[in-house]
Amino acid sequence: MILTCPECSTSYMAKDDAIGPNGRTVRCTNCSATWFVPAETPSASTPEDLQLADMTRKDSDGPAEPPVSAEAEEAALFSAPSQKGADALLRDKADAEKRRARRRVIWLIWLIPLFLILALLAIFYFGRNTIVERFPTTVPVYNAVGIKVSQSGLEVESPTLRLAVINGETTVVINGAIRNISNQAQPLPMLRLSLHNPSGEEVANWLVDMEKPILRPRERIEFASEYPNPPPDSTSLRYRLMS
């Protein structure tokens, strides 16, 4: 007898006497679905044949069969899945592999552009001095995104300001440094320093002459400057290299 699972369509070969005269509930070993299988219609169609079959069952005096476990009964009922069930498993495995391949392709479609964007941003930031040196028109672009660059190739490191009493006078003491961030030697101009009041108005200014006229590539030079008796409303310092 051939039994077919109504859920996954897996087919099984069952022994002819495994179902019994009253039918029975069976379980699919592939998907664990259960269903009721009715008994097959007996081949005897005349009253005499039916009576003979009934008498044969009643007169059977053989020893009773020992009870069997559910696992043994299921093993006796079902044989190995037919070729149709094996094909369904292979199709499911192939479909799962296709889905995994599609997911990998989708990830690559997103990751490759993201990697390229990050690489361009890294070049834009870490190579900014070389880019500005070769393409001066990019200076406004860097300034627009808040990245400080110098078209001259020189960079003033943020100076520090402190008040001190020198020779009995209150003096503004400023320390800082200038760095050549380019790959070429750069002439070193004078540095203009200015003090401003809380409104931003300039209240004092002076020039600082550097000790060296030229800075080699990547060279750094420190400077110090003093301004005695600063205006009492001085609150901030500004600086720029003279062109």
Protein backbone atom coordinates (compact mmCIF):
# COMPACT_ATOMS: atom_id res chain seq x y z
CA MET A 1 0.00 0.00 0.00
CA ILE A 2 1.28 3.49 -0.88
CA LEU A 3 0.64 6.26 1.69
CA THR A 4 1.20 9.95 0.81
CA CYS A 5 1.61 12.67 3.44
CA PRO A 6 -1.05 15.38 2.90
CA GLU A 7 1.37 18.08 4.15
CA CYS A 8 4.70 17.50 2.38
CA SER A 9 3.60 14.95 -0.26
CA THR A 10 6.23 12.43 0.84
CA SER A 11 5.20 8.92 -0.20
CA TYR A 12 5.75 5.70 1.77
CA MET A 13 5.36 1.99 1.08
CA ALA A 14 3.34 0.34 3.88
CA LYS A 15 2.79 -3.37 4.39
CA ASP A 16 -0.63 -4.58 3.31
CA ASP A 17 -1.62 -5.64 6.84
CA ALA A 18 -0.14 -2.61 8.65
CA ILE A 19 -3.32 -0.49 8.56
CA GLY A 20 -5.68 -3.14 9.91
CA PRO A 21 -9.40 -3.58 9.33
CA ASN A 22 -10.40 -0.45 11.27
CA GLY A 23 -7.83 1.92 9.80
CA ARG A 24 -5.29 3.82 11.89
CA THR A 25 -3.60 7.18 12.44
CA VAL A 26 -0.09 7.43 10.99
CA ARG A 27 2.70 10.01 11.24
CA CYS A 28 5.05 11.30 8.55
CA THR A 29 8.72 10.82 9.44
CA ASN A 30 9.68 13.77 7.21
CA CYS A 31 7.44 16.58 8.55
CA SER A 32 5.80 14.87 11.60
CA ALA A 33 2.27 15.48 10.23
CA THR A 34 -0.37 12.91 11.27
CA TRP A 35 -3.47 11.72 9.40
CA PHE A 36 -5.99 8.88 9.50
CA VAL A 37 -5.72 6.10 6.94
CA PRO A 38 -8.91 4.03 6.49
CA ALA A 39 -8.75 0.30 5.87
CA GLU A 40 -8.74 -0.85 2.27
CA THR A 41 -12.00 -2.19 0.88
CA PRO A 42 -11.83 -6.01 1.09
CA SER A 43 -11.55 -7.75 -2.23
CA ALA A 44 -14.29 -10.29 -1.29
CA SER A 45 -17.54 -8.91 -2.58
CA THR A 46 -20.00 -11.80 -1.94
CA PRO A 47 -21.59 -12.65 1.46
CA GLU A 48 -19.94 -16.05 1.40
CA ASP A 49 -16.48 -14.57 0.95
CA LEU A 50 -17.07 -12.05 3.72
CA GLN A 51 -18.30 -14.76 6.08
CA LEU A 52 -15.31 -16.98 5.28
CA ALA A 53 -12.90 -14.16 5.96
CA ASP A 54 -14.63 -13.44 9.27
CA MET A 55 -14.51 -17.10 10.31
CA THR A 56 -10.83 -17.29 9.44
CA ARG A 57 -10.11 -14.38 11.76
CA LYS A 58 -12.16 -15.87 14.61
CA ASP A 59 -10.76 -19.39 14.27
CA SER A 60 -7.13 -18.25 14.31
CA ASP A 61 -5.69 -19.94 17.42
CA GLY A 62 -2.07 -18.87 17.02
CA PRO A 63 -0.25 -17.25 19.90
CA ALA A 64 -0.94 -13.57 20.47
CA GLU A 65 1.69 -11.28 19.13
CA PRO A 66 3.65 -9.41 21.78
CA PRO A 67 2.99 -5.66 22.03
CA VAL A 68 5.40 -3.54 20.11
CA SER A 69 6.65 -0.07 20.86
CA ALA A 70 5.54 3.01 18.91
CA GLU A 71 8.96 3.23 17.28
CA ALA A 72 8.91 -0.40 16.17
CA GLU A 73 5.33 -0.07 14.91
CA GLU A 74 6.21 3.02 12.91
CA ALA A 75 9.28 1.27 11.46
CA ALA A 76 7.12 -1.65 10.41
CA LEU A 77 4.51 0.62 8.88
CA PHE A 78 6.77 2.79 6.79
CA SER A 79 9.58 2.00 4.48
CA ALA A 80 12.12 4.57 3.20
CA PRO A 81 10.70 7.66 1.46
CA SER A 82 10.12 7.29 -2.21
CA GLN A 83 12.11 9.13 -4.86
CA LYS A 84 9.53 11.91 -4.87
CA GLY A 85 10.32 12.82 -1.23
CA ALA A 86 14.06 12.86 -1.90
CA ASP A 87 13.55 15.22 -4.85
CA ALA A 88 11.53 17.58 -2.65
CA LEU A 89 14.36 17.68 -0.09
CA LEU A 90 16.90 18.43 -2.80
CA ARG A 91 14.72 21.25 -4.14
CA ASP A 92 14.37 22.74 -0.66
CA LYS A 93 18.13 22.62 -0.16
CA ALA A 94 18.75 24.27 -3.54
CA ASP A 95 16.18 27.01 -2.79
CA ALA A 96 17.82 27.72 0.58
CA GLU A 97 21.24 28.04 -1.08
CA LYS A 98 19.79 30.46 -3.64
CA ARG A 99 18.34 32.62 -0.87
CA ARG A 100 21.70 32.72 0.91
CA ALA A 101 23.43 33.68 -2.34
CA ARG A 102 20.94 36.51 -2.92
CA ARG A 103 21.55 37.84 0.59
CA ARG A 104 25.31 37.83 -0.01
CA VAL A 105 24.85 39.76 -3.25
CA ILE A 106 22.65 42.34 -1.50
CA TRP A 107 25.27 42.83 1.21
CA LEU A 108 27.97 43.35 -1.40
CA ILE A 109 25.80 45.86 -3.26
CA TRP A 110 25.61 47.95 -0.07
CA LEU A 111 29.12 47.40 1.29
CA ILE A 112 31.13 48.24 -1.84
CA PRO A 113 29.73 51.79 -2.29
CA LEU A 114 30.01 52.40 1.46
CA PHE A 115 33.66 51.34 1.43
CA LEU A 116 34.39 53.61 -1.53
CA ILE A 117 32.73 56.58 0.18
CA LEU A 118 34.74 56.02 3.37
CA ALA A 119 37.96 55.72 1.37
CA LEU A 120 37.26 59.01 -0.45
CA LEU A 121 36.50 60.78 2.84
CA ALA A 122 39.76 59.50 4.33
CA ILE A 123 41.73 60.78 1.33
CA PHE A 124 39.85 64.10 1.46
CA TYR A 125 40.73 64.58 5.15
CA PHE A 126 44.21 63.11 5.62
CA GLY A 127 45.45 64.32 2.24
CA ARG A 128 43.97 67.80 2.58
CA ASN A 129 47.30 69.61 2.59
CA THR A 130 48.46 67.98 -0.64
CA ILE A 131 45.03 68.54 -2.24
CA VAL A 132 45.00 72.23 -1.30
CA GLU A 133 48.57 72.63 -2.50
CA ARG A 134 47.72 71.25 -5.94
CA PHE A 135 44.16 72.56 -6.14
CA PRO A 136 43.86 75.89 -4.28
CA THR A 137 40.21 76.24 -5.26
CA THR A 138 39.36 73.49 -2.73
CA VAL A 139 40.14 75.77 0.23
CA PRO A 140 36.53 77.13 0.45
CA VAL A 141 35.23 73.56 0.40
CA TYR A 142 37.32 72.60 3.41
CA ASN A 143 36.42 75.79 5.23
CA ALA A 144 32.72 75.13 4.57
CA VAL A 145 32.88 71.79 6.39
CA GLY A 146 34.92 73.18 9.28
CA ILE A 147 38.35 71.75 8.34
CA LYS A 148 41.21 74.19 8.73
CA VAL A 149 43.63 74.29 5.81
CA SER A 150 46.28 76.73 4.75
CA GLN A 151 46.79 77.70 1.16
CA SER A 152 50.24 79.04 1.94
CA GLY A 153 51.37 75.67 3.30
CA LEU A 154 51.96 77.14 6.78
CA GLU A 155 49.81 76.39 9.79
CA VAL A 156 49.73 78.38 13.03
CA GLU A 157 49.18 76.14 16.02
CA SER A 158 46.70 77.67 18.45
CA PRO A 159 48.76 80.04 20.66
CA THR A 160 48.36 80.10 24.43
CA LEU A 161 47.81 83.38 26.27
CA ARG A 162 48.55 84.18 29.91
CA LEU A 163 49.01 87.26 32.07
CA ALA A 164 52.21 87.84 34.01
CA VAL A 165 53.85 90.66 35.89
CA ILE A 166 57.19 91.49 34.27
CA ASN A 167 59.29 94.41 35.60
CA GLY A 168 56.30 95.55 37.59
CA GLU A 169 53.99 95.67 34.55
CA THR A 170 51.01 93.48 33.68
CA THR A 171 52.06 91.73 30.49
CA VAL A 172 50.32 89.45 28.03
CA VAL A 173 52.60 86.48 27.28
CA ILE A 174 51.85 84.48 24.14
CA ASN A 175 53.46 81.18 23.14
CA GLY A 176 52.82 79.25 19.97
CA ALA A 177 54.31 77.54 16.94
CA ILE A 178 54.17 77.59 13.15
CA ARG A 179 54.43 74.41 11.09
CA ASN A 180 55.16 73.87 7.41
CA ILE A 181 52.52 71.30 6.44
CA SER A 182 53.48 71.18 2.76
CA ASN A 183 56.07 69.13 0.91
CA GLN A 184 57.99 72.22 -0.17
CA ALA A 185 60.08 74.82 1.64
CA GLN A 186 58.00 77.89 2.50
CA PRO A 187 59.08 81.47 3.23
CA LEU A 188 58.14 82.43 6.77
CA PRO A 189 56.28 85.76 6.93
CA MET A 190 55.63 87.89 10.00
CA LEU A 191 52.81 86.92 12.36
CA ARG A 192 50.16 89.50 13.27
CA LEU A 193 48.65 89.23 16.76
CA SER A 194 45.70 91.30 17.97
CA LEU A 195 43.69 91.68 21.17
CA HIS A 196 39.91 92.14 21.10
CA ASN A 197 37.26 93.25 23.58
CA PRO A 198 34.07 91.27 24.38
CA SER A 199 32.32 92.92 21.40
CA GLY A 200 34.99 91.61 19.03
CA GLU A 201 36.54 95.03 18.39
CA GLU A 202 40.31 95.19 18.04
CA VAL A 203 41.95 97.11 20.89
CA ALA A 204 45.63 96.33 20.20
CA ASN A 205 47.84 94.66 17.61
CA TRP A 206 51.51 93.97 16.91
CA LEU A 207 53.78 91.93 14.63
CA VAL A 208 56.04 89.06 15.54
CA ASP A 209 59.14 88.49 13.43
CA MET A 210 60.29 84.87 13.19
CA GLU A 211 63.88 83.81 13.77
CA LYS A 212 64.09 81.86 10.48
CA PRO A 213 63.18 83.19 7.04
CA ILE A 214 62.28 79.78 5.57
CA LEU A 215 60.73 76.61 6.93
CA ARG A 216 61.69 73.27 5.40
CA PRO A 217 58.97 70.73 4.58
CA ARG A 218 57.28 69.49 7.78
CA GLU A 219 59.50 71.75 9.90
CA ARG A 220 58.09 73.43 13.01
CA ILE A 221 59.25 76.61 14.74
CA GLU A 222 58.14 77.95 18.10
CA PHE A 223 57.66 81.61 18.95
CA ALA A 224 57.02 83.74 22.03
CA SER A 225 55.77 87.30 22.28
CA GLU A 226 54.95 89.78 25.05
CA TYR A 227 52.65 92.80 25.13
CA PRO A 228 52.94 95.01 28.24
CA ASN A 229 50.02 96.91 29.74
CA PRO A 230 47.26 95.47 27.55
CA PRO A 231 43.94 97.36 27.40
CA PRO A 232 41.78 96.40 30.39
CA ASP A 233 38.92 95.25 28.19
CA SER A 234 41.09 92.75 26.26
CA THR A 235 39.47 89.34 26.40
CA SER A 236 40.54 87.41 23.28
CA LEU A 237 43.47 86.91 20.94
CA ARG A 238 43.46 86.61 17.15
CA TYR A 239 46.32 85.84 14.78
CA ARG A 240 47.19 85.55 11.11
CA LEU A 241 50.25 85.28 8.90
CA MET A 242 51.02 88.34 6.83
CA SER A 243 51.09 87.71 3.10
